[in-house]
Amino acid sequence: MEKKNKVKITVAGTEYIVLTHESEAYTKKLAEEVDESIQDMCINGRISITAAAILTAVNLCDRIKKYEHDADELGEQIEKYLETANEQMNRYNELKRENERLKKNISVYRKRLAEDDPDFNEPSPISESVKKVQKKIYVSDTEEIADNEPDVFKNLRKEE
């Protein structure tokens, strides 16, 4: 069991001894805030200390209720964020499993293709033909540029 502290405080000119689990510094700080609030209300002299104390208590209760309401709203927002995060994590895990399944399928299909066509990993004759056409186009374009800009491309002509 936590030890209670005896703390001497002064509020509205009256001293009190408070038994609390809180530290002495914290308890005195609270008492100073209450005392300041009461003193602020009594400044104009039209209100009694008792009335000022009651109004201070009402104001503090109001602040507490508003903070509780804000805390409840934040709690609801956090719950929604956690729910959304959980849904996203589930979706991520589904996609991860689907990705793994697809990788396995690709691996199986590649293996089957390699078994059916031993030249599967060899360059195809079509790709070699494409390379030859690309080279001819490059040479042709280079020659055309060299014809139009002879000084810049003097030595670029290649024999066919």
C-alpha atoms as a PDB file:
ATOM      1  CA  MET A   1       0.000   0.000   0.000  1.00  0.00           C
ATOM      2  CA  GLU A   2       1.277   3.417  -0.952  1.00  0.00           C
ATOM      3  CA  LYS A   3       2.097   5.808   1.880  1.00  0.00           C
ATOM      4  CA  LYS A   4      -0.054   8.922   2.183  1.00  0.00           C
ATOM      5  CA  ASN A   5       1.632  12.281   2.453  1.00  0.00           C
ATOM      6  CA  LYS A   6       0.452  15.011   4.827  1.00  0.00           C
ATOM      7  CA  VAL A   7       0.617  18.277   2.938  1.00  0.00           C
ATOM      8  CA  LYS A   8      -0.077  21.713   4.381  1.00  0.00           C
ATOM      9  CA  ILE A   9      -1.807  24.012   1.870  1.00  0.00           C
ATOM     10  CA  THR A  10      -3.379  27.469   2.003  1.00  0.00           C
ATOM     11  CA  VAL A  11      -6.493  28.330  -0.010  1.00  0.00           C
ATOM     12  CA  ALA A  12      -8.343  31.638   0.328  1.00  0.00           C
ATOM     13  CA  GLY A  13      -6.351  32.536   3.433  1.00  0.00           C
ATOM     14  CA  THR A  14      -7.181  29.320   5.282  1.00  0.00           C
ATOM     15  CA  GLU A  15      -4.662  26.550   5.973  1.00  0.00           C
ATOM     16  CA  TYR A  16      -5.579  22.911   5.424  1.00  0.00           C
ATOM     17  CA  ILE A  17      -3.788  19.615   5.994  1.00  0.00           C
ATOM     18  CA  VAL A  18      -4.377  17.239   3.088  1.00  0.00           C
ATOM     19  CA  LEU A  19      -3.665  13.498   3.102  1.00  0.00           C
ATOM     20  CA  THR A  20      -2.711  12.428  -0.416  1.00  0.00           C
ATOM     21  CA  HIS A  21      -0.821   9.825  -2.405  1.00  0.00           C
ATOM     22  CA  GLU A  22       0.491  12.641  -4.594  1.00  0.00           C
ATOM     23  CA  SER A  23       3.751  14.462  -3.990  1.00  0.00           C
ATOM     24  CA  GLU A  24       3.863  17.544  -1.807  1.00  0.00           C
ATOM     25  CA  ALA A  25       4.975  19.743  -4.721  1.00  0.00           C
ATOM     26  CA  TYR A  26       2.105  18.561  -6.925  1.00  0.00           C
ATOM     27  CA  THR A  27      -0.482  19.042  -4.173  1.00  0.00           C
ATOM     28  CA  LYS A  28       0.780  22.550  -3.378  1.00  0.00           C
ATOM     29  CA  LYS A  29       0.690  23.444  -7.076  1.00  0.00           C
ATOM     30  CA  LEU A  30      -2.986  22.407  -7.270  1.00  0.00           C
ATOM     31  CA  ALA A  31      -3.797  24.416  -4.156  1.00  0.00           C
ATOM     32  CA  GLU A  32      -2.041  27.477  -5.627  1.00  0.00           C
ATOM     33  CA  GLU A  33      -4.142  27.225  -8.808  1.00  0.00           C
ATOM     34  CA  VAL A  34      -7.399  26.958  -6.818  1.00  0.00           C
ATOM     35  CA  ASP A  35      -6.360  29.831  -4.558  1.00  0.00           C
ATOM     36  CA  GLU A  36      -5.460  32.006  -7.559  1.00  0.00           C
ATOM     37  CA  SER A  37      -8.834  31.293  -9.178  1.00  0.00           C
ATOM     38  CA  ILE A  38     -10.714  32.202  -6.000  1.00  0.00           C
ATOM     39  CA  GLN A  39      -8.641  35.364  -5.509  1.00  0.00           C
ATOM     40  CA  ASP A  40      -9.285  36.429  -9.133  1.00  0.00           C
ATOM     41  CA  MET A  41     -13.052  36.163  -8.549  1.00  0.00           C
ATOM     42  CA  CYS A  42     -12.905  38.099  -5.280  1.00  0.00           C
ATOM     43  CA  ILE A  43     -10.915  41.027  -6.698  1.00  0.00           C
ATOM     44  CA  ASN A  44     -13.918  43.203  -7.416  1.00  0.00           C
ATOM     45  CA  GLY A  45     -15.226  42.674  -3.861  1.00  0.00           C
ATOM     46  CA  ARG A  46     -18.778  41.843  -4.948  1.00  0.00           C
ATOM     47  CA  ILE A  47     -18.468  38.127  -4.415  1.00  0.00           C
ATOM     48  CA  SER A  48     -17.805  36.227  -1.202  1.00  0.00           C
ATOM     49  CA  ILE A  49     -15.012  33.699  -0.798  1.00  0.00           C
ATOM     50  CA  THR A  50     -17.615  30.952  -0.503  1.00  0.00           C
ATOM     51  CA  ALA A  51     -19.261  31.956  -3.772  1.00  0.00           C
ATOM     52  CA  ALA A  52     -15.837  32.250  -5.436  1.00  0.00           C
ATOM     53  CA  ALA A  53     -14.931  28.762  -4.173  1.00  0.00           C
ATOM     54  CA  ILE A  54     -18.191  27.347  -5.550  1.00  0.00           C
ATOM     55  CA  LEU A  55     -17.677  29.048  -8.933  1.00  0.00           C
ATOM     56  CA  THR A  56     -14.073  27.780  -9.025  1.00  0.00           C
ATOM     57  CA  ALA A  57     -15.293  24.255  -8.311  1.00  0.00           C
ATOM     58  CA  VAL A  58     -17.907  24.554 -11.099  1.00  0.00           C
ATOM     59  CA  ASN A  59     -15.266  25.876 -13.542  1.00  0.00           C
ATOM     60  CA  LEU A  60     -12.887  23.058 -12.659  1.00  0.00           C
ATOM     61  CA  CYS A  61     -15.663  20.467 -13.068  1.00  0.00           C
ATOM     62  CA  ASP A  62     -16.460  21.990 -16.451  1.00  0.00           C
ATOM     63  CA  ARG A  63     -12.810  21.662 -17.536  1.00  0.00           C
ATOM     64  CA  ILE A  64     -12.696  18.058 -16.297  1.00  0.00           C
ATOM     65  CA  LYS A  65     -15.873  17.132 -18.225  1.00  0.00           C
ATOM     66  CA  LYS A  66     -14.540  18.748 -21.397  1.00  0.00           C
ATOM     67  CA  TYR A  67     -11.206  16.922 -21.039  1.00  0.00           C
ATOM     68  CA  GLU A  68     -13.048  13.641 -20.443  1.00  0.00           C
ATOM     69  CA  HIS A  69     -15.138  14.260 -23.570  1.00  0.00           C
ATOM     70  CA  ASP A  70     -11.988  15.056 -25.590  1.00  0.00           C
ATOM     71  CA  ALA A  71     -10.301  11.939 -24.209  1.00  0.00           C
ATOM     72  CA  ASP A  72     -13.331   9.818 -25.188  1.00  0.00           C
ATOM     73  CA  GLU A  73     -13.272  11.251 -28.718  1.00  0.00           C
ATOM     74  CA  LEU A  74      -9.539  10.595 -29.011  1.00  0.00           C
ATOM     75  CA  GLY A  75     -10.095   7.056 -27.761  1.00  0.00           C
ATOM     76  CA  GLU A  76     -12.739   6.515 -30.455  1.00  0.00           C
ATOM     77  CA  GLN A  77     -10.395   7.913 -33.111  1.00  0.00           C
ATOM     78  CA  ILE A  78      -7.609   5.634 -31.924  1.00  0.00           C
ATOM     79  CA  GLU A  79      -9.963   2.649 -32.073  1.00  0.00           C
ATOM     80  CA  LYS A  80     -10.898   3.561 -35.668  1.00  0.00           C
ATOM     81  CA  TYR A  81      -7.221   3.972 -36.607  1.00  0.00           C
ATOM     82  CA  LEU A  82      -6.380   0.627 -35.037  1.00  0.00           C
ATOM     83  CA  GLU A  83      -9.294  -1.011 -36.841  1.00  0.00           C
ATOM     84  CA  THR A  84      -8.145   0.480 -40.157  1.00  0.00           C
ATOM     85  CA  ALA A  85      -4.556  -0.543 -39.470  1.00  0.00           C
ATOM     86  CA  ASN A  86      -5.722  -4.079 -38.671  1.00  0.00           C
ATOM     87  CA  GLU A  87      -7.742  -4.232 -41.897  1.00  0.00           C
ATOM     88  CA  GLN A  88      -4.740  -2.984 -43.872  1.00  0.00           C
ATOM     89  CA  MET A  89      -2.481  -5.552 -42.204  1.00  0.00           C
ATOM     90  CA  ASN A  90      -4.935  -8.307 -43.084  1.00  0.00           C
ATOM     91  CA  ARG A  91      -5.052  -7.066 -46.695  1.00  0.00           C
ATOM     92  CA  TYR A  92      -1.256  -6.914 -46.790  1.00  0.00           C
ATOM     93  CA  ASN A  93      -1.014 -10.493 -45.523  1.00  0.00           C
ATOM     94  CA  GLU A  94      -3.572 -11.636 -48.130  1.00  0.00           C
ATOM     95  CA  LEU A  95      -1.592  -9.955 -50.908  1.00  0.00           C
ATOM     96  CA  LYS A  96       1.642 -11.396 -49.584  1.00  0.00           C
ATOM     97  CA  ARG A  97       0.159 -14.911 -49.646  1.00  0.00           C
ATOM     98  CA  GLU A  98      -1.212 -14.298 -53.160  1.00  0.00           C
ATOM     99  CA  ASN A  99       2.210 -13.066 -54.279  1.00  0.00           C
ATOM    100  CA  GLU A 100       3.879 -16.197 -52.921  1.00  0.00           C
ATOM    101  CA  ARG A 101       1.284 -18.378 -54.638  1.00  0.00           C
ATOM    102  CA  LEU A 102       1.870 -16.592 -57.943  1.00  0.00           C
ATOM    103  CA  LYS A 103       5.640 -16.926 -57.581  1.00  0.00           C
ATOM    104  CA  LYS A 104       5.235 -20.665 -57.083  1.00  0.00           C
ATOM    105  CA  ASN A 105       2.966 -20.881 -60.138  1.00  0.00           C
ATOM    106  CA  ILE A 106       5.497 -18.984 -62.249  1.00  0.00           C
ATOM    107  CA  SER A 107       8.246 -21.294 -61.061  1.00  0.00           C
ATOM    108  CA  VAL A 108       6.154 -24.352 -61.940  1.00  0.00           C
ATOM    109  CA  TYR A 109       5.267 -22.955 -65.381  1.00  0.00           C
ATOM    110  CA  ARG A 110       8.883 -22.081 -66.120  1.00  0.00           C
ATOM    111  CA  LYS A 111       9.959 -25.573 -65.158  1.00  0.00           C
ATOM    112  CA  ARG A 112       7.278 -27.128 -67.377  1.00  0.00           C
ATOM    113  CA  LEU A 113       8.205 -24.832 -70.235  1.00  0.00           C
ATOM    114  CA  ALA A 114      11.881 -25.714 -69.869  1.00  0.00           C
ATOM    115  CA  GLU A 115      10.997 -29.428 -69.865  1.00  0.00           C
ATOM    116  CA  ASP A 116       8.818 -29.065 -72.982  1.00  0.00           C
ATOM    117  CA  ASP A 117      11.276 -26.760 -74.779  1.00  0.00           C
ATOM    118  CA  PRO A 118      14.939 -27.390 -73.879  1.00  0.00           C
ATOM    119  CA  ASP A 119      15.938 -24.248 -75.824  1.00  0.00           C
ATOM    120  CA  PHE A 120      13.662 -22.119 -73.640  1.00  0.00           C
ATOM    121  CA  ASN A 121      16.571 -20.220 -72.088  1.00  0.00           C
ATOM    122  CA  GLU A 122      18.375 -19.773 -75.422  1.00  0.00           C
ATOM    123  CA  PRO A 123      17.881 -16.529 -77.351  1.00  0.00           C
ATOM    124  CA  SER A 124      15.202 -17.008 -79.929  1.00  0.00           C
ATOM    125  CA  PRO A 125      15.923 -16.624 -83.649  1.00  0.00           C
ATOM    126  CA  ILE A 126      13.377 -13.835 -83.683  1.00  0.00           C
ATOM    127  CA  SER A 127      15.345 -11.829 -81.148  1.00  0.00           C
ATOM    128  CA  GLU A 128      18.509 -12.268 -83.243  1.00  0.00           C
ATOM    129  CA  SER A 129      16.616 -11.031 -86.319  1.00  0.00           C
ATOM    130  CA  VAL A 130      15.404  -8.002 -84.402  1.00  0.00           C
ATOM    131  CA  LYS A 131      18.991  -7.181 -83.376  1.00  0.00           C
ATOM    132  CA  LYS A 132      20.120  -7.327 -87.029  1.00  0.00           C
ATOM    133  CA  VAL A 133      17.308  -4.984 -88.107  1.00  0.00           C
ATOM    134  CA  GLN A 134      18.133  -2.602 -85.276  1.00  0.00           C
ATOM    135  CA  LYS A 135      21.793  -2.542 -86.358  1.00  0.00           C
ATOM    136  CA  LYS A 136      20.816  -1.804 -89.988  1.00  0.00           C
ATOM    137  CA  ILE A 137      18.569   1.045 -88.848  1.00  0.00           C
ATOM    138  CA  TYR A 138      21.359   2.448 -86.680  1.00  0.00           C
ATOM    139  CA  VAL A 139      23.895   2.268 -89.520  1.00  0.00           C
ATOM    140  CA  SER A 140      21.397   3.801 -91.944  1.00  0.00           C
ATOM    141  CA  ASP A 141      20.576   6.658 -89.549  1.00  0.00           C
ATOM    142  CA  THR A 142      24.264   7.253 -88.879  1.00  0.00           C
ATOM    143  CA  GLU A 143      25.013   7.426 -92.596  1.00  0.00           C
ATOM    144  CA  GLU A 144      22.178   9.902 -93.139  1.00  0.00           C
ATOM    145  CA  ILE A 145      23.466  12.110 -90.326  1.00  0.00           C
ATOM    146  CA  ALA A 146      27.012  11.823 -91.675  1.00  0.00           C
ATOM    147  CA  ASP A 147      25.802  12.904 -95.124  1.00  0.00           C
ATOM    148  CA  ASN A 148      24.085  15.966 -93.658  1.00  0.00           C
ATOM    149  CA  GLU A 149      26.886  16.880 -91.228  1.00  0.00           C
ATOM    150  CA  PRO A 150      30.095  15.703 -92.964  1.00  0.00           C
ATOM    151  CA  ASP A 151      32.517  17.560 -90.690  1.00  0.00           C
ATOM    152  CA  VAL A 152      31.124  16.131 -87.485  1.00  0.00           C
ATOM    153  CA  PHE A 153      30.729  12.540 -88.657  1.00  0.00           C
ATOM    154  CA  LYS A 154      33.643  12.087 -91.128  1.00  0.00           C
ATOM    155  CA  ASN A 155      34.776   8.737 -89.848  1.00  0.00           C
ATOM    156  CA  LEU A 156      31.447   7.254 -88.803  1.00  0.00           C
ATOM    157  CA  ARG A 157      30.652   5.573 -92.136  1.00  0.00           C
ATOM    158  CA  LYS A 158      30.844   1.817 -91.842  1.00  0.00           C
ATOM    159  CA  GLU A 159      31.270  -0.564 -94.657  1.00  0.00           C
ATOM    160  CA  GLU A 160      28.392  -2.829 -95.350  1.00  0.00           C
END
